[in-house]
Amino acid sequence: MTGRRRGPLAKLSGLAALLLYALLATVAQASTVLIADTTLVSGTETAVFSFNAPGPGTVSAELTNLNWPQALSSLSFMATTSSHVLAPWSDVTSGTRPLSFLVSGAGTYYADIRAVAGGPLELGVYSFALNFTPAASPVPLPPSGALLLLGMAGLVGSIIWRRGTVNRAAGAAAPLPAR
C-alpha cells in the first residue's frame, strides 16, 4: 500500500482552515451551578436559600411548579441582598419560569421562595435552580488561540525550511551528469 504524499500547499491550506476555525470559534462561557433543589410543600411554606457569587456576573434562576400530586396554588420568588431586592416574581402557577438578574460583585445573596399547596391533600412540589455566569471570561481565549496558531505556523515553517535545506544539501553532493 503506497501513501499519497501531500505537498506544502495542501499542508498550508489545512493550517489555514485550522486558523479560520480557531478565529471563528465561540468564546467559552463558564457557568457555575449555585443551587439545585426540589422541595415537597405541605400547606404554606417559605424557604430562604443563601448563595455566594464569586464576582460580578449574571445569575439565571429557574423556578418550576411541578404537577405532583397537583400544581401548587401559588409560588413566588425574590432574590435579595442584605439591604435590597434584586428580582421579584409572583404567581408561578404552572410550568417553568426563567429569570436572569445581575449581581454587581462577590458576596452573599439570598433567594426567598414562598409556596402554597392546594387541593384536598395540600401537597405540591417545586424545583429551583440558580446558575452563575461571570461577567468576563477569566481566561482570555482568543489571544491564547492566536498564540497556539502562531506556534503551529512556526512549526510548519521550520519543517518546510528544513526540507528545503536537506534537498539543497542532497543536490550539492550529487555529481553533475556528463554531457
N, C-alpha and C. Protein backbone atom coordinates (compact mmCIF):
# COMPACT_ATOMS: atom_id res chain seq x y z
N MET A 1 0.85 -1.16 0.00
CA MET A 1 0.00 0.00 0.00
C MET A 1 0.90 1.22 0.00
N THR A 2 0.72 2.07 -0.97
CA THR A 2 1.54 3.27 -1.05
C THR A 2 0.75 4.46 -0.55
N GLY A 3 1.43 5.33 0.18
CA GLY A 3 0.77 6.52 0.71
C GLY A 3 0.94 7.67 -0.26
N ARG A 4 -0.06 8.49 -0.35
CA ARG A 4 -0.01 9.65 -1.21
C ARG A 4 0.71 10.77 -0.49
N ARG A 5 1.66 11.37 -1.12
CA ARG A 5 2.43 12.43 -0.49
C ARG A 5 1.74 13.76 -0.72
N ARG A 6 1.61 14.51 0.34
CA ARG A 6 0.95 15.81 0.25
C ARG A 6 2.00 16.89 0.14
N GLY A 7 1.76 17.83 -0.72
CA GLY A 7 2.70 18.93 -0.93
C GLY A 7 2.52 20.01 0.13
N PRO A 8 3.42 21.01 0.12
CA PRO A 8 3.35 22.09 1.11
C PRO A 8 2.08 22.92 0.98
N LEU A 9 1.54 23.05 -0.24
CA LEU A 9 0.32 23.83 -0.42
C LEU A 9 -0.87 23.17 0.29
N ALA A 10 -0.94 21.85 0.23
CA ALA A 10 -2.02 21.13 0.91
C ALA A 10 -1.89 21.27 2.42
N LYS A 11 -0.65 21.24 2.92
CA LYS A 11 -0.44 21.40 4.36
C LYS A 11 -0.78 22.81 4.81
N LEU A 12 -0.40 23.79 4.02
CA LEU A 12 -0.71 25.17 4.37
C LEU A 12 -2.21 25.44 4.31
N SER A 13 -2.90 24.82 3.34
CA SER A 13 -4.36 25.02 3.29
C SER A 13 -5.03 24.38 4.51
N GLY A 14 -4.50 23.25 4.98
CA GLY A 14 -5.03 22.64 6.20
C GLY A 14 -4.79 23.53 7.40
N LEU A 15 -3.61 24.14 7.46
CA LEU A 15 -3.30 25.07 8.56
C LEU A 15 -4.20 26.30 8.48
N ALA A 16 -4.45 26.79 7.27
CA ALA A 16 -5.34 27.95 7.11
C ALA A 16 -6.76 27.62 7.57
N ALA A 17 -7.22 26.41 7.27
CA ALA A 17 -8.56 26.00 7.72
C ALA A 17 -8.62 25.92 9.24
N LEU A 18 -7.56 25.41 9.86
CA LEU A 18 -7.50 25.34 11.32
C LEU A 18 -7.48 26.73 11.93
N LEU A 19 -6.72 27.65 11.31
CA LEU A 19 -6.66 29.04 11.78
C LEU A 19 -8.04 29.69 11.70
N LEU A 20 -8.73 29.51 10.58
CA LEU A 20 -10.07 30.08 10.41
C LEU A 20 -11.03 29.52 11.45
N TYR A 21 -10.97 28.22 11.72
CA TYR A 21 -11.84 27.61 12.73
C TYR A 21 -11.57 28.21 14.11
N ALA A 22 -10.29 28.36 14.44
CA ALA A 22 -9.93 28.89 15.76
C ALA A 22 -10.38 30.34 15.93
N LEU A 23 -10.29 31.12 14.88
CA LEU A 23 -10.68 32.52 14.97
C LEU A 23 -12.19 32.70 15.03
N LEU A 24 -12.94 31.79 14.41
CA LEU A 24 -14.40 31.90 14.40
C LEU A 24 -15.07 31.13 15.53
N ALA A 25 -14.31 30.41 16.33
CA ALA A 25 -14.87 29.62 17.42
C ALA A 25 -15.49 30.56 18.46
N THR A 26 -16.54 30.11 19.10
CA THR A 26 -17.21 30.92 20.10
C THR A 26 -16.38 30.98 21.37
N VAL A 27 -16.60 32.02 22.12
CA VAL A 27 -15.89 32.20 23.38
C VAL A 27 -16.53 31.28 24.42
N ALA A 28 -15.72 30.64 25.21
CA ALA A 28 -16.22 29.72 26.23
C ALA A 28 -16.88 30.49 27.36
N GLN A 29 -17.99 30.01 27.83
CA GLN A 29 -18.69 30.58 28.96
C GLN A 29 -18.65 29.58 30.10
N ALA A 30 -18.09 29.99 31.20
CA ALA A 30 -18.04 29.12 32.36
C ALA A 30 -19.23 29.43 33.24
N SER A 31 -20.12 28.48 33.39
CA SER A 31 -21.31 28.66 34.21
C SER A 31 -21.20 27.73 35.42
N THR A 32 -21.58 28.25 36.58
CA THR A 32 -21.48 27.50 37.82
C THR A 32 -22.88 27.31 38.40
N VAL A 33 -23.20 26.09 38.81
CA VAL A 33 -24.47 25.82 39.47
C VAL A 33 -24.34 26.26 40.92
N LEU A 34 -25.19 27.20 41.33
CA LEU A 34 -25.16 27.69 42.71
C LEU A 34 -26.11 26.90 43.59
N ILE A 35 -27.32 26.65 43.08
CA ILE A 35 -28.33 25.91 43.85
C ILE A 35 -29.13 25.05 42.88
N ALA A 36 -29.43 23.83 43.29
CA ALA A 36 -30.35 22.96 42.58
C ALA A 36 -31.14 22.22 43.66
N ASP A 37 -32.45 22.48 43.72
CA ASP A 37 -33.24 21.95 44.82
C ASP A 37 -34.65 21.63 44.35
N THR A 38 -35.20 20.54 44.86
CA THR A 38 -36.61 20.19 44.66
C THR A 38 -37.22 20.00 46.04
N THR A 39 -38.36 20.65 46.26
CA THR A 39 -38.95 20.67 47.60
C THR A 39 -40.40 20.22 47.58
N LEU A 40 -40.77 19.37 48.53
CA LEU A 40 -42.16 18.97 48.75
C LEU A 40 -42.78 19.96 49.72
N VAL A 41 -43.92 20.51 49.33
CA VAL A 41 -44.59 21.53 50.14
C VAL A 41 -45.86 20.95 50.73
N SER A 42 -46.05 21.17 52.04
CA SER A 42 -47.28 20.78 52.73
C SER A 42 -47.88 22.05 53.32
N GLY A 43 -49.04 22.44 52.83
CA GLY A 43 -49.66 23.69 53.31
C GLY A 43 -48.98 24.90 52.69
N THR A 44 -48.52 25.81 53.53
CA THR A 44 -47.80 27.00 53.10
C THR A 44 -46.39 26.96 53.68
N GLU A 45 -45.40 27.14 52.83
CA GLU A 45 -44.01 27.10 53.29
C GLU A 45 -43.20 28.21 52.64
N THR A 46 -42.23 28.69 53.40
CA THR A 46 -41.27 29.67 52.90
C THR A 46 -39.88 29.10 53.11
N ALA A 47 -39.04 29.23 52.09
CA ALA A 47 -37.66 28.75 52.17
C ALA A 47 -36.73 29.88 51.75
N VAL A 48 -35.64 30.04 52.48
CA VAL A 48 -34.63 31.03 52.14
C VAL A 48 -33.32 30.29 51.87
N PHE A 49 -32.78 30.49 50.67
CA PHE A 49 -31.52 29.89 50.27
C PHE A 49 -30.49 31.01 50.17
N SER A 50 -29.33 30.81 50.77
CA SER A 50 -28.25 31.78 50.59
C SER A 50 -27.27 31.21 49.56
N PHE A 51 -26.72 32.09 48.75
CA PHE A 51 -25.74 31.65 47.76
C PHE A 51 -24.65 32.70 47.64
N ASN A 52 -23.46 32.26 47.30
CA ASN A 52 -22.32 33.15 47.15
C ASN A 52 -21.96 33.30 45.68
N ALA A 53 -21.96 34.54 45.22
CA ALA A 53 -21.49 34.84 43.87
C ALA A 53 -20.00 35.12 43.95
N PRO A 54 -19.19 34.50 43.10
CA PRO A 54 -17.75 34.70 43.18
C PRO A 54 -17.27 36.04 42.65
N GLY A 55 -18.12 36.78 41.96
CA GLY A 55 -17.76 38.07 41.39
C GLY A 55 -18.93 38.64 40.63
N PRO A 56 -18.72 39.73 39.88
CA PRO A 56 -19.81 40.29 39.09
C PRO A 56 -20.22 39.34 37.97
N GLY A 57 -21.51 39.32 37.66
CA GLY A 57 -21.99 38.44 36.60
C GLY A 57 -23.51 38.37 36.58
N THR A 58 -24.01 37.36 35.90
CA THR A 58 -25.45 37.15 35.74
C THR A 58 -25.86 35.87 36.44
N VAL A 59 -26.92 35.95 37.22
CA VAL A 59 -27.50 34.78 37.85
C VAL A 59 -28.78 34.44 37.10
N SER A 60 -28.87 33.20 36.64
CA SER A 60 -30.06 32.71 35.95
C SER A 60 -30.82 31.81 36.91
N ALA A 61 -32.06 32.17 37.15
CA ALA A 61 -32.90 31.38 38.05
C ALA A 61 -34.00 30.69 37.24
N GLU A 62 -34.35 29.50 37.67
CA GLU A 62 -35.43 28.75 37.03
C GLU A 62 -36.28 28.12 38.12
N LEU A 63 -37.53 28.52 38.17
CA LEU A 63 -38.47 28.02 39.17
C LEU A 63 -39.57 27.26 38.44
N THR A 64 -39.76 26.00 38.83
CA THR A 64 -40.75 25.14 38.16
C THR A 64 -41.78 24.66 39.15
N ASN A 65 -43.04 24.90 38.85
CA ASN A 65 -44.16 24.40 39.63
C ASN A 65 -44.52 23.04 39.06
N LEU A 66 -44.14 21.97 39.76
CA LEU A 66 -44.37 20.61 39.26
C LEU A 66 -45.79 20.16 39.59
N ASN A 67 -46.35 19.41 38.70
CA ASN A 67 -47.73 18.96 38.85
C ASN A 67 -47.76 17.60 39.56
N TRP A 68 -47.39 17.62 40.88
CA TRP A 68 -47.41 16.37 41.64
C TRP A 68 -47.78 16.64 43.08
N PRO A 69 -48.70 16.04 43.72
CA PRO A 69 -49.82 15.33 43.09
C PRO A 69 -50.69 16.27 42.28
N GLN A 70 -50.57 17.57 42.57
CA GLN A 70 -51.17 18.59 41.70
C GLN A 70 -50.31 19.85 41.85
N ALA A 71 -50.49 20.79 40.93
CA ALA A 71 -49.68 22.01 40.94
C ALA A 71 -49.96 22.82 42.21
N LEU A 72 -48.95 23.55 42.66
CA LEU A 72 -49.12 24.47 43.79
C LEU A 72 -50.10 25.57 43.40
N SER A 73 -50.88 26.05 44.34
CA SER A 73 -51.82 27.12 44.02
C SER A 73 -51.13 28.48 43.92
N SER A 74 -49.96 28.63 44.56
CA SER A 74 -49.21 29.88 44.48
C SER A 74 -47.73 29.58 44.70
N LEU A 75 -46.89 30.26 43.92
CA LEU A 75 -45.44 30.10 44.03
C LEU A 75 -44.79 31.42 43.67
N SER A 76 -43.97 31.95 44.59
CA SER A 76 -43.32 33.23 44.33
C SER A 76 -41.84 33.16 44.72
N PHE A 77 -41.06 34.08 44.17
CA PHE A 77 -39.61 34.09 44.34
C PHE A 77 -39.13 35.53 44.47
N MET A 78 -38.08 35.71 45.27
CA MET A 78 -37.46 37.02 45.39
C MET A 78 -35.96 36.82 45.63
N ALA A 79 -35.13 37.50 44.82
CA ALA A 79 -33.67 37.50 45.02
C ALA A 79 -33.30 38.80 45.69
N THR A 80 -32.52 38.72 46.77
CA THR A 80 -32.19 39.91 47.54
C THR A 80 -30.72 39.91 47.97
N THR A 81 -30.28 41.09 48.37
CA THR A 81 -29.04 41.22 49.13
C THR A 81 -29.48 41.43 50.57
N SER A 82 -28.58 41.77 51.45
CA SER A 82 -28.99 42.03 52.83
C SER A 82 -29.74 43.35 52.95
N SER A 83 -29.68 44.20 51.90
CA SER A 83 -30.32 45.51 52.01
C SER A 83 -31.37 45.83 50.96
N HIS A 84 -31.40 45.15 49.79
CA HIS A 84 -32.41 45.48 48.79
C HIS A 84 -32.77 44.29 47.90
N VAL A 85 -33.90 44.45 47.18
CA VAL A 85 -34.43 43.40 46.31
C VAL A 85 -33.77 43.50 44.93
N LEU A 86 -33.29 42.38 44.41
CA LEU A 86 -32.69 42.34 43.08
C LEU A 86 -33.71 41.97 42.01
N ALA A 87 -34.54 40.96 42.30
CA ALA A 87 -35.51 40.49 41.30
C ALA A 87 -36.66 39.77 42.00
N PRO A 88 -37.90 40.24 41.79
CA PRO A 88 -39.06 39.52 42.34
C PRO A 88 -39.87 38.80 41.26
N TRP A 89 -40.51 37.72 41.64
CA TRP A 89 -41.51 37.02 40.82
C TRP A 89 -42.71 36.78 41.69
N SER A 90 -43.84 36.62 41.06
CA SER A 90 -45.00 36.18 41.84
C SER A 90 -45.92 35.35 40.96
N ASP A 91 -46.64 34.47 41.60
CA ASP A 91 -47.65 33.63 40.97
C ASP A 91 -47.15 32.83 39.77
N VAL A 92 -46.21 31.98 40.03
CA VAL A 92 -45.81 31.00 39.04
C VAL A 92 -46.78 29.83 39.24
N THR A 93 -47.90 29.89 38.54
CA THR A 93 -48.96 28.91 38.81
C THR A 93 -48.74 27.57 38.14
N SER A 94 -48.06 27.54 36.98
CA SER A 94 -47.78 26.24 36.36
C SER A 94 -46.59 26.38 35.43
N GLY A 95 -45.91 25.28 35.23
CA GLY A 95 -44.78 25.26 34.32
C GLY A 95 -43.52 25.86 34.91
N THR A 96 -42.62 26.26 34.02
CA THR A 96 -41.32 26.79 34.41
C THR A 96 -41.25 28.28 34.11
N ARG A 97 -40.66 28.99 35.03
CA ARG A 97 -40.49 30.44 34.84
C ARG A 97 -39.00 30.77 34.97
N PRO A 98 -38.34 31.17 33.86
CA PRO A 98 -36.94 31.58 33.95
C PRO A 98 -36.81 33.08 34.22
N LEU A 99 -35.72 33.46 34.87
CA LEU A 99 -35.43 34.86 35.14
C LEU A 99 -33.92 35.02 35.30
N SER A 100 -33.40 36.14 34.82
CA SER A 100 -31.98 36.45 34.99
C SER A 100 -31.86 37.81 35.64
N PHE A 101 -30.83 37.94 36.49
CA PHE A 101 -30.56 39.24 37.12
C PHE A 101 -29.06 39.37 37.33
N LEU A 102 -28.62 40.62 37.41
CA LEU A 102 -27.19 40.91 37.55
C LEU A 102 -26.81 41.03 39.01
N VAL A 103 -25.62 40.55 39.33
CA VAL A 103 -25.03 40.80 40.65
C VAL A 103 -23.79 41.65 40.40
N SER A 104 -23.59 42.65 41.24
CA SER A 104 -22.55 43.64 41.00
C SER A 104 -21.16 43.20 41.45
N GLY A 105 -21.09 42.23 42.32
CA GLY A 105 -19.78 41.79 42.80
C GLY A 105 -19.89 40.54 43.65
N ALA A 106 -18.75 40.12 44.15
CA ALA A 106 -18.72 38.95 45.02
C ALA A 106 -19.47 39.24 46.31
N GLY A 107 -20.13 38.24 46.82
CA GLY A 107 -20.85 38.42 48.07
C GLY A 107 -21.91 37.37 48.28
N THR A 108 -22.63 37.51 49.39
CA THR A 108 -23.71 36.59 49.72
C THR A 108 -25.03 37.21 49.31
N TYR A 109 -25.84 36.41 48.63
CA TYR A 109 -27.16 36.83 48.17
C TYR A 109 -28.16 35.80 48.67
N TYR A 110 -29.45 36.17 48.58
CA TYR A 110 -30.50 35.31 49.13
C TYR A 110 -31.61 35.10 48.11
N ALA A 111 -32.15 33.89 48.10
CA ALA A 111 -33.30 33.54 47.29
C ALA A 111 -34.42 33.11 48.24
N ASP A 112 -35.51 33.84 48.21
CA ASP A 112 -36.65 33.58 49.09
C ASP A 112 -37.79 33.03 48.25
N ILE A 113 -38.27 31.83 48.59
CA ILE A 113 -39.35 31.19 47.85
C ILE A 113 -40.51 30.94 48.79
N ARG A 114 -41.70 31.33 48.33
CA ARG A 114 -42.92 31.09 49.11
C ARG A 114 -43.84 30.23 48.26
N ALA A 115 -44.31 29.11 48.83
CA ALA A 115 -45.16 28.17 48.10
C ALA A 115 -46.40 27.85 48.92
N VAL A 116 -47.54 27.79 48.22
CA VAL A 116 -48.81 27.44 48.86
C VAL A 116 -49.39 26.25 48.09
N ALA A 117 -49.58 25.14 48.81
CA ALA A 117 -50.16 23.93 48.21
C ALA A 117 -51.67 24.05 48.23
N GLY A 118 -52.31 23.38 47.31
CA GLY A 118 -53.78 23.40 47.25
C GLY A 118 -54.31 21.99 47.11
N GLY A 119 -55.57 21.89 46.86
CA GLY A 119 -56.18 20.59 46.67
C GLY A 119 -56.50 19.90 47.98
N PRO A 120 -57.10 18.72 47.91
CA PRO A 120 -57.52 18.01 49.12
C PRO A 120 -56.34 17.53 49.98
N LEU A 121 -55.21 17.24 49.39
CA LEU A 121 -54.06 16.77 50.16
C LEU A 121 -53.19 17.91 50.67
N GLU A 122 -53.34 19.08 50.11
CA GLU A 122 -52.50 20.24 50.42
C GLU A 122 -51.02 19.88 50.31
N LEU A 123 -50.66 19.24 49.17
CA LEU A 123 -49.28 18.87 48.87
C LEU A 123 -48.93 19.38 47.48
N GLY A 124 -47.68 19.72 47.29
CA GLY A 124 -47.19 20.13 45.98
C GLY A 124 -45.67 20.09 45.96
N VAL A 125 -45.09 20.22 44.78
CA VAL A 125 -43.64 20.14 44.62
C VAL A 125 -43.19 21.26 43.68
N TYR A 126 -42.06 21.88 44.03
CA TYR A 126 -41.42 22.81 43.11
C TYR A 126 -39.95 22.47 42.98
N SER A 127 -39.38 22.87 41.87
CA SER A 127 -37.96 22.68 41.60
C SER A 127 -37.35 24.05 41.36
N PHE A 128 -36.14 24.25 41.89
CA PHE A 128 -35.50 25.55 41.83
C PHE A 128 -34.02 25.37 41.49
N ALA A 129 -33.53 26.19 40.56
CA ALA A 129 -32.11 26.13 40.17
C ALA A 129 -31.56 27.53 39.94
N LEU A 130 -30.34 27.77 40.40
CA LEU A 130 -29.63 29.02 40.16
C LEU A 130 -28.28 28.69 39.52
N ASN A 131 -27.96 29.41 38.45
CA ASN A 131 -26.67 29.26 37.77
C ASN A 131 -26.01 30.63 37.68
N PHE A 132 -24.69 30.66 37.82
CA PHE A 132 -23.94 31.91 37.76
C PHE A 132 -23.01 31.90 36.55
N THR A 133 -23.05 32.98 35.77
CA THR A 133 -22.15 33.17 34.64
C THR A 133 -21.35 34.43 34.89
N PRO A 134 -20.02 34.35 34.94
CA PRO A 134 -19.22 35.55 35.22
C PRO A 134 -19.36 36.59 34.13
N ALA A 135 -19.16 37.86 34.52
CA ALA A 135 -19.29 38.97 33.57
C ALA A 135 -18.19 38.93 32.53
N ALA A 136 -17.00 38.51 32.90
CA ALA A 136 -15.88 38.44 31.97
C ALA A 136 -15.25 37.07 32.05
N SER A 137 -14.75 36.61 30.92
CA SER A 137 -14.09 35.32 30.89
C SER A 137 -12.78 35.40 31.67
N PRO A 138 -12.54 34.50 32.63
CA PRO A 138 -11.32 34.57 33.41
C PRO A 138 -10.05 34.25 32.61
N VAL A 139 -10.20 33.52 31.51
CA VAL A 139 -9.06 33.19 30.65
C VAL A 139 -9.32 33.79 29.28
N PRO A 140 -8.46 34.68 28.82
CA PRO A 140 -8.69 35.28 27.50
C PRO A 140 -8.43 34.25 26.40
N LEU A 141 -9.47 33.61 25.94
CA LEU A 141 -9.33 32.53 24.98
C LEU A 141 -8.85 32.99 23.60
N PRO A 142 -9.35 34.08 23.02
CA PRO A 142 -8.87 34.45 21.68
C PRO A 142 -7.36 34.71 21.63
N PRO A 143 -6.72 35.44 22.58
CA PRO A 143 -5.27 35.60 22.50
C PRO A 143 -4.51 34.28 22.66
N SER A 144 -4.98 33.39 23.51
CA SER A 144 -4.28 32.12 23.67
C SER A 144 -4.43 31.28 22.41
N GLY A 145 -5.57 31.36 21.72
CA GLY A 145 -5.75 30.65 20.45
C GLY A 145 -4.82 31.19 19.38
N ALA A 146 -4.65 32.53 19.34
CA ALA A 146 -3.75 33.13 18.36
C ALA A 146 -2.31 32.70 18.63
N LEU A 147 -1.92 32.63 19.90
CA LEU A 147 -0.57 32.18 20.23
C LEU A 147 -0.36 30.72 19.81
N LEU A 148 -1.37 29.89 20.01
CA LEU A 148 -1.27 28.49 19.60
C LEU A 148 -1.09 28.40 18.09
N LEU A 149 -1.89 29.16 17.34
CA LEU A 149 -1.78 29.11 15.89
C LEU A 149 -0.47 29.68 15.39
N LEU A 150 0.05 30.72 16.06
CA LEU A 150 1.34 31.28 15.69
C LEU A 150 2.44 30.23 15.89
N GLY A 151 2.37 29.50 16.99
CA GLY A 151 3.34 28.43 17.24
C GLY A 151 3.24 27.33 16.20
N MET A 152 2.01 26.98 15.82
CA MET A 152 1.84 25.93 14.80
C MET A 152 2.37 26.40 13.45
N ALA A 153 2.14 27.66 13.10
CA ALA A 153 2.66 28.20 11.84
C ALA A 153 4.18 28.18 11.85
N GLY A 154 4.79 28.53 12.99
CA GLY A 154 6.25 28.47 13.10
C GLY A 154 6.77 27.06 12.94
N LEU A 155 6.07 26.09 13.51
CA LEU A 155 6.46 24.69 13.39
C LEU A 155 6.41 24.24 11.93
N VAL A 156 5.33 24.57 11.24
CA VAL A 156 5.19 24.20 9.83
C VAL A 156 6.28 24.90 9.00
N GLY A 157 6.54 26.17 9.30
CA GLY A 157 7.58 26.90 8.58
C GLY A 157 8.95 26.29 8.78
N SER A 158 9.25 25.86 10.01
CA SER A 158 10.56 25.24 10.26
C SER A 158 10.67 23.89 9.55
N ILE A 159 9.58 23.15 9.46
CA ILE A 159 9.61 21.86 8.75
C ILE A 159 9.86 22.10 7.27
N ILE A 160 9.18 23.08 6.69
CA ILE A 160 9.37 23.39 5.28
C ILE A 160 10.80 23.87 5.04
N TRP A 161 11.31 24.70 5.92
CA TRP A 161 12.68 25.22 5.77
C TRP A 161 13.70 24.09 5.86
N ARG A 162 13.51 23.16 6.81
CA ARG A 162 14.44 22.03 6.94
C ARG A 162 14.42 21.14 5.71
N ARG A 163 13.25 20.90 5.17
CA ARG A 163 13.16 20.06 3.97
C ARG A 163 13.88 20.72 2.80
N GLY A 164 13.74 22.03 2.70
CA GLY A 164 14.44 22.75 1.63
C GLY A 164 15.94 22.69 1.81
N THR A 165 16.42 22.78 3.06
CA THR A 165 17.85 22.71 3.35
C THR A 165 18.38 21.32 3.03
N VAL A 166 17.65 20.29 3.40
CA VAL A 166 18.08 18.91 3.12
C VAL A 166 18.11 18.68 1.62
N ASN A 167 17.12 19.16 0.89
CA ASN A 167 17.08 18.96 -0.57
C ASN A 167 18.25 19.69 -1.24
N ARG A 168 18.58 20.90 -0.79
CA ARG A 168 19.71 21.63 -1.36
C ARG A 168 21.02 20.92 -1.05
N ALA A 169 21.17 20.41 0.17
CA ALA A 169 22.40 19.70 0.54
C ALA A 169 22.55 18.42 -0.26
N ALA A 170 21.45 17.72 -0.49
CA ALA A 170 21.50 16.47 -1.27
C ALA A 170 21.82 16.79 -2.72
N GLY A 171 21.34 17.90 -3.24
CA GLY A 171 21.59 18.28 -4.62
C GLY A 171 23.04 18.70 -4.81
N ALA A 172 23.66 19.33 -3.82
CA ALA A 172 25.05 19.79 -3.95
C ALA A 172 26.02 18.62 -3.94
N ALA A 173 25.72 17.55 -3.25
CA ALA A 173 26.62 16.41 -3.13
C ALA A 173 26.56 15.52 -4.36
N ALA A 174 25.49 15.59 -5.13
CA ALA A 174 25.35 14.71 -6.28
C ALA A 174 26.20 15.24 -7.45
N PRO A 175 26.91 14.37 -8.16
CA PRO A 175 27.72 14.82 -9.30
C PRO A 175 26.83 15.25 -10.44
N LEU A 176 27.31 16.20 -11.19
CA LEU A 176 26.57 16.67 -12.37
C LEU A 176 26.63 15.61 -13.45
N PRO A 177 25.55 15.44 -14.20
CA PRO A 177 25.57 14.45 -15.28
C PRO A 177 26.51 14.91 -16.42
N ALA A 178 27.15 13.94 -17.07
CA ALA A 178 28.05 14.25 -18.18
C ALA A 178 27.25 14.56 -19.43
N ARG A 179 27.78 15.48 -20.24
CA ARG A 179 27.08 15.82 -21.47
C ARG A 179 27.75 15.25 -22.65
